[in-house]
Amino acid sequence: MGEVIYTLCMLTSLSCAVLLFAGYRRTRLRLLFWSGACFAGMTLNNFLLLLDKVVFPTEVDLLPWRQASALVACLLLLYGLIYEKD
Protein backbone atom coordinates (compact mmCIF):
# COMPACT_ATOMS: atom_id res chain seq x y z
CA MET A 1 0.00 0.00 0.00
CA GLY A 2 2.93 2.33 0.68
CA GLU A 3 4.10 2.07 -2.92
CA VAL A 4 0.74 3.32 -4.16
CA ILE A 5 0.69 6.26 -1.75
CA TYR A 6 4.28 7.28 -2.54
CA THR A 7 3.56 7.08 -6.27
CA LEU A 8 0.34 9.09 -5.96
CA CYS A 9 2.12 11.77 -3.93
CA MET A 10 4.86 12.00 -6.55
CA LEU A 11 2.35 12.23 -9.40
CA THR A 12 0.34 14.88 -7.54
CA SER A 13 3.46 16.99 -7.00
CA LEU A 14 4.41 16.55 -10.64
CA SER A 15 0.98 17.61 -11.86
CA CYS A 16 1.04 20.68 -9.59
CA ALA A 17 4.47 21.62 -10.95
CA VAL A 18 3.32 21.21 -14.54
CA LEU A 19 0.18 23.29 -13.97
CA LEU A 20 2.12 26.03 -12.18
CA PHE A 21 4.73 26.22 -14.93
CA ALA A 22 1.95 26.34 -17.53
CA GLY A 23 0.34 29.20 -15.63
CA TYR A 24 3.66 30.98 -15.49
CA ARG A 25 4.19 30.55 -19.22
CA ARG A 26 0.75 32.01 -19.87
CA THR A 27 0.79 34.96 -17.41
CA ARG A 28 4.51 35.54 -16.67
CA LEU A 29 3.79 35.95 -12.95
CA ARG A 30 7.12 35.12 -11.33
CA LEU A 31 5.55 33.75 -8.17
CA LEU A 32 4.03 30.97 -10.28
CA PHE A 33 7.54 30.12 -11.48
CA TRP A 34 8.91 29.86 -7.94
CA SER A 35 5.91 27.81 -6.82
CA GLY A 36 6.40 25.47 -9.79
CA ALA A 37 10.08 25.14 -8.94
CA CYS A 38 9.13 24.27 -5.36
CA PHE A 39 6.75 21.56 -6.53
CA ALA A 40 9.37 20.23 -8.94
CA GLY A 41 11.70 19.87 -5.95
CA MET A 42 8.94 18.15 -4.00
CA THR A 43 8.46 15.78 -6.93
CA LEU A 44 12.14 14.90 -6.69
CA ASN A 45 11.74 14.46 -2.94
CA ASN A 46 8.81 12.07 -3.43
CA PHE A 47 10.74 10.16 -6.09
CA LEU A 48 13.66 9.74 -3.70
CA LEU A 49 11.22 8.59 -1.02
CA LEU A 50 9.86 5.97 -3.40
CA LEU A 51 13.38 4.79 -4.18
CA ASP A 52 14.38 4.79 -0.51
CA LYS A 53 11.38 2.92 0.86
CA VAL A 54 10.38 0.63 -2.03
CA VAL A 55 13.25 0.02 -4.45
CA PHE A 56 16.23 0.05 -2.06
CA PRO A 57 14.72 -0.47 1.41
CA THR A 58 17.83 -1.91 3.07
CA GLU A 59 20.73 -1.30 0.71
CA VAL A 60 20.81 2.50 0.47
CA ASP A 61 19.86 5.27 2.87
CA LEU A 62 18.61 8.26 0.87
CA LEU A 63 17.44 10.28 3.87
CA PRO A 64 20.12 13.02 3.53
CA TRP A 65 19.29 13.41 -0.19
CA ARG A 66 15.56 13.54 0.58
CA GLN A 67 16.06 16.18 3.23
CA ALA A 68 18.32 18.22 0.96
CA SER A 69 15.78 18.16 -1.88
CA ALA A 70 12.98 19.22 0.48
CA LEU A 71 15.15 22.03 1.84
CA VAL A 72 16.01 23.30 -1.64
CA ALA A 73 12.34 23.15 -2.66
CA CYS A 74 11.25 25.15 0.38
CA LEU A 75 14.05 27.66 -0.10
CA LEU A 76 13.00 28.22 -3.71
CA LEU A 77 9.47 29.05 -2.61
CA LEU A 78 10.74 31.21 0.25
CA TYR A 79 12.95 33.15 -2.17
CA GLY A 80 10.01 33.70 -4.48
CA LEU A 81 7.78 34.86 -1.64
CA ILE A 82 10.36 37.31 -0.31
CA TYR A 83 11.78 38.81 -3.51
CA GLU A 84 8.79 38.88 -5.85
CA LYS A 85 6.72 41.95 -5.06
CA ASP A 86 4.22 41.88 -7.94
C-alpha atoms as a PDB file:
ATOM      1  CA  MET A   1       0.000   0.000   0.000  1.00  0.00           C
ATOM      2  CA  GLY A   2       2.925   2.333   0.682  1.00  0.00           C
ATOM      3  CA  GLU A   3       4.097   2.074  -2.916  1.00  0.00           C
ATOM      4  CA  VAL A   4       0.742   3.321  -4.160  1.00  0.00           C
ATOM      5  CA  ILE A   5       0.690   6.257  -1.754  1.00  0.00           C
ATOM      6  CA  TYR A   6       4.284   7.276  -2.545  1.00  0.00           C
ATOM      7  CA  THR A   7       3.561   7.080  -6.268  1.00  0.00           C
ATOM      8  CA  LEU A   8       0.342   9.089  -5.963  1.00  0.00           C
ATOM      9  CA  CYS A   9       2.118  11.774  -3.935  1.00  0.00           C
ATOM     10  CA  MET A  10       4.855  11.998  -6.554  1.00  0.00           C
ATOM     11  CA  LEU A  11       2.345  12.226  -9.399  1.00  0.00           C
ATOM     12  CA  THR A  12       0.339  14.876  -7.536  1.00  0.00           C
ATOM     13  CA  SER A  13       3.461  16.991  -6.995  1.00  0.00           C
ATOM     14  CA  LEU A  14       4.407  16.550 -10.642  1.00  0.00           C
ATOM     15  CA  SER A  15       0.980  17.610 -11.860  1.00  0.00           C
ATOM     16  CA  CYS A  16       1.044  20.679  -9.589  1.00  0.00           C
ATOM     17  CA  ALA A  17       4.473  21.621 -10.953  1.00  0.00           C
ATOM     18  CA  VAL A  18       3.317  21.214 -14.545  1.00  0.00           C
ATOM     19  CA  LEU A  19       0.182  23.294 -13.967  1.00  0.00           C
ATOM     20  CA  LEU A  20       2.117  26.033 -12.178  1.00  0.00           C
ATOM     21  CA  PHE A  21       4.733  26.222 -14.930  1.00  0.00           C
ATOM     22  CA  ALA A  22       1.954  26.337 -17.531  1.00  0.00           C
ATOM     23  CA  GLY A  23       0.337  29.197 -15.634  1.00  0.00           C
ATOM     24  CA  TYR A  24       3.665  30.983 -15.494  1.00  0.00           C
ATOM     25  CA  ARG A  25       4.189  30.546 -19.224  1.00  0.00           C
ATOM     26  CA  ARG A  26       0.745  32.014 -19.875  1.00  0.00           C
ATOM     27  CA  THR A  27       0.791  34.957 -17.415  1.00  0.00           C
ATOM     28  CA  ARG A  28       4.510  35.541 -16.670  1.00  0.00           C
ATOM     29  CA  LEU A  29       3.791  35.953 -12.949  1.00  0.00           C
ATOM     30  CA  ARG A  30       7.120  35.120 -11.331  1.00  0.00           C
ATOM     31  CA  LEU A  31       5.548  33.747  -8.167  1.00  0.00           C
ATOM     32  CA  LEU A  32       4.029  30.968 -10.276  1.00  0.00           C
ATOM     33  CA  PHE A  33       7.541  30.119 -11.475  1.00  0.00           C
ATOM     34  CA  TRP A  34       8.909  29.864  -7.938  1.00  0.00           C
ATOM     35  CA  SER A  35       5.906  27.808  -6.823  1.00  0.00           C
ATOM     36  CA  GLY A  36       6.404  25.473  -9.792  1.00  0.00           C
ATOM     37  CA  ALA A  37      10.082  25.137  -8.938  1.00  0.00           C
ATOM     38  CA  CYS A  38       9.134  24.267  -5.361  1.00  0.00           C
ATOM     39  CA  PHE A  39       6.752  21.555  -6.528  1.00  0.00           C
ATOM     40  CA  ALA A  40       9.373  20.233  -8.942  1.00  0.00           C
ATOM     41  CA  GLY A  41      11.696  19.873  -5.953  1.00  0.00           C
ATOM     42  CA  MET A  42       8.945  18.149  -4.000  1.00  0.00           C
ATOM     43  CA  THR A  43       8.462  15.777  -6.929  1.00  0.00           C
ATOM     44  CA  LEU A  44      12.144  14.899  -6.687  1.00  0.00           C
ATOM     45  CA  ASN A  45      11.738  14.465  -2.939  1.00  0.00           C
ATOM     46  CA  ASN A  46       8.813  12.070  -3.425  1.00  0.00           C
ATOM     47  CA  PHE A  47      10.742  10.162  -6.090  1.00  0.00           C
ATOM     48  CA  LEU A  48      13.661   9.741  -3.698  1.00  0.00           C
ATOM     49  CA  LEU A  49      11.216   8.594  -1.019  1.00  0.00           C
ATOM     50  CA  LEU A  50       9.858   5.967  -3.401  1.00  0.00           C
ATOM     51  CA  LEU A  51      13.380   4.786  -4.176  1.00  0.00           C
ATOM     52  CA  ASP A  52      14.379   4.785  -0.514  1.00  0.00           C
ATOM     53  CA  LYS A  53      11.376   2.918   0.858  1.00  0.00           C
ATOM     54  CA  VAL A  54      10.379   0.631  -2.027  1.00  0.00           C
ATOM     55  CA  VAL A  55      13.251   0.016  -4.454  1.00  0.00           C
ATOM     56  CA  PHE A  56      16.233   0.051  -2.061  1.00  0.00           C
ATOM     57  CA  PRO A  57      14.716  -0.471   1.409  1.00  0.00           C
ATOM     58  CA  THR A  58      17.827  -1.907   3.074  1.00  0.00           C
ATOM     59  CA  GLU A  59      20.725  -1.296   0.708  1.00  0.00           C
ATOM     60  CA  VAL A  60      20.811   2.500   0.466  1.00  0.00           C
ATOM     61  CA  ASP A  61      19.859   5.272   2.874  1.00  0.00           C
ATOM     62  CA  LEU A  62      18.609   8.264   0.872  1.00  0.00           C
ATOM     63  CA  LEU A  63      17.443  10.282   3.875  1.00  0.00           C
ATOM     64  CA  PRO A  64      20.116  13.020   3.526  1.00  0.00           C
ATOM     65  CA  TRP A  65      19.287  13.414  -0.188  1.00  0.00           C
ATOM     66  CA  ARG A  66      15.558  13.538   0.576  1.00  0.00           C
ATOM     67  CA  GLN A  67      16.061  16.179   3.233  1.00  0.00           C
ATOM     68  CA  ALA A  68      18.318  18.225   0.956  1.00  0.00           C
ATOM     69  CA  SER A  69      15.779  18.165  -1.879  1.00  0.00           C
ATOM     70  CA  ALA A  70      12.975  19.218   0.479  1.00  0.00           C
ATOM     71  CA  LEU A  71      15.149  22.034   1.844  1.00  0.00           C
ATOM     72  CA  VAL A  72      16.010  23.299  -1.642  1.00  0.00           C
ATOM     73  CA  ALA A  73      12.339  23.149  -2.664  1.00  0.00           C
ATOM     74  CA  CYS A  74      11.249  25.149   0.382  1.00  0.00           C
ATOM     75  CA  LEU A  75      14.054  27.665  -0.099  1.00  0.00           C
ATOM     76  CA  LEU A  76      12.999  28.222  -3.709  1.00  0.00           C
ATOM     77  CA  LEU A  77       9.466  29.048  -2.606  1.00  0.00           C
ATOM     78  CA  LEU A  78      10.736  31.208   0.245  1.00  0.00           C
ATOM     79  CA  TYR A  79      12.955  33.152  -2.166  1.00  0.00           C
ATOM     80  CA  GLY A  80      10.013  33.697  -4.480  1.00  0.00           C
ATOM     81  CA  LEU A  81       7.784  34.858  -1.641  1.00  0.00           C
ATOM     82  CA  ILE A  82      10.364  37.315  -0.314  1.00  0.00           C
ATOM     83  CA  TYR A  83      11.784  38.815  -3.507  1.00  0.00           C
ATOM     84  CA  GLU A  84       8.789  38.877  -5.848  1.00  0.00           C
ATOM     85  CA  LYS A  85       6.723  41.954  -5.062  1.00  0.00           C
ATOM     86  CA  ASP A  86       4.225  41.875  -7.942  1.00  0.00           C
END
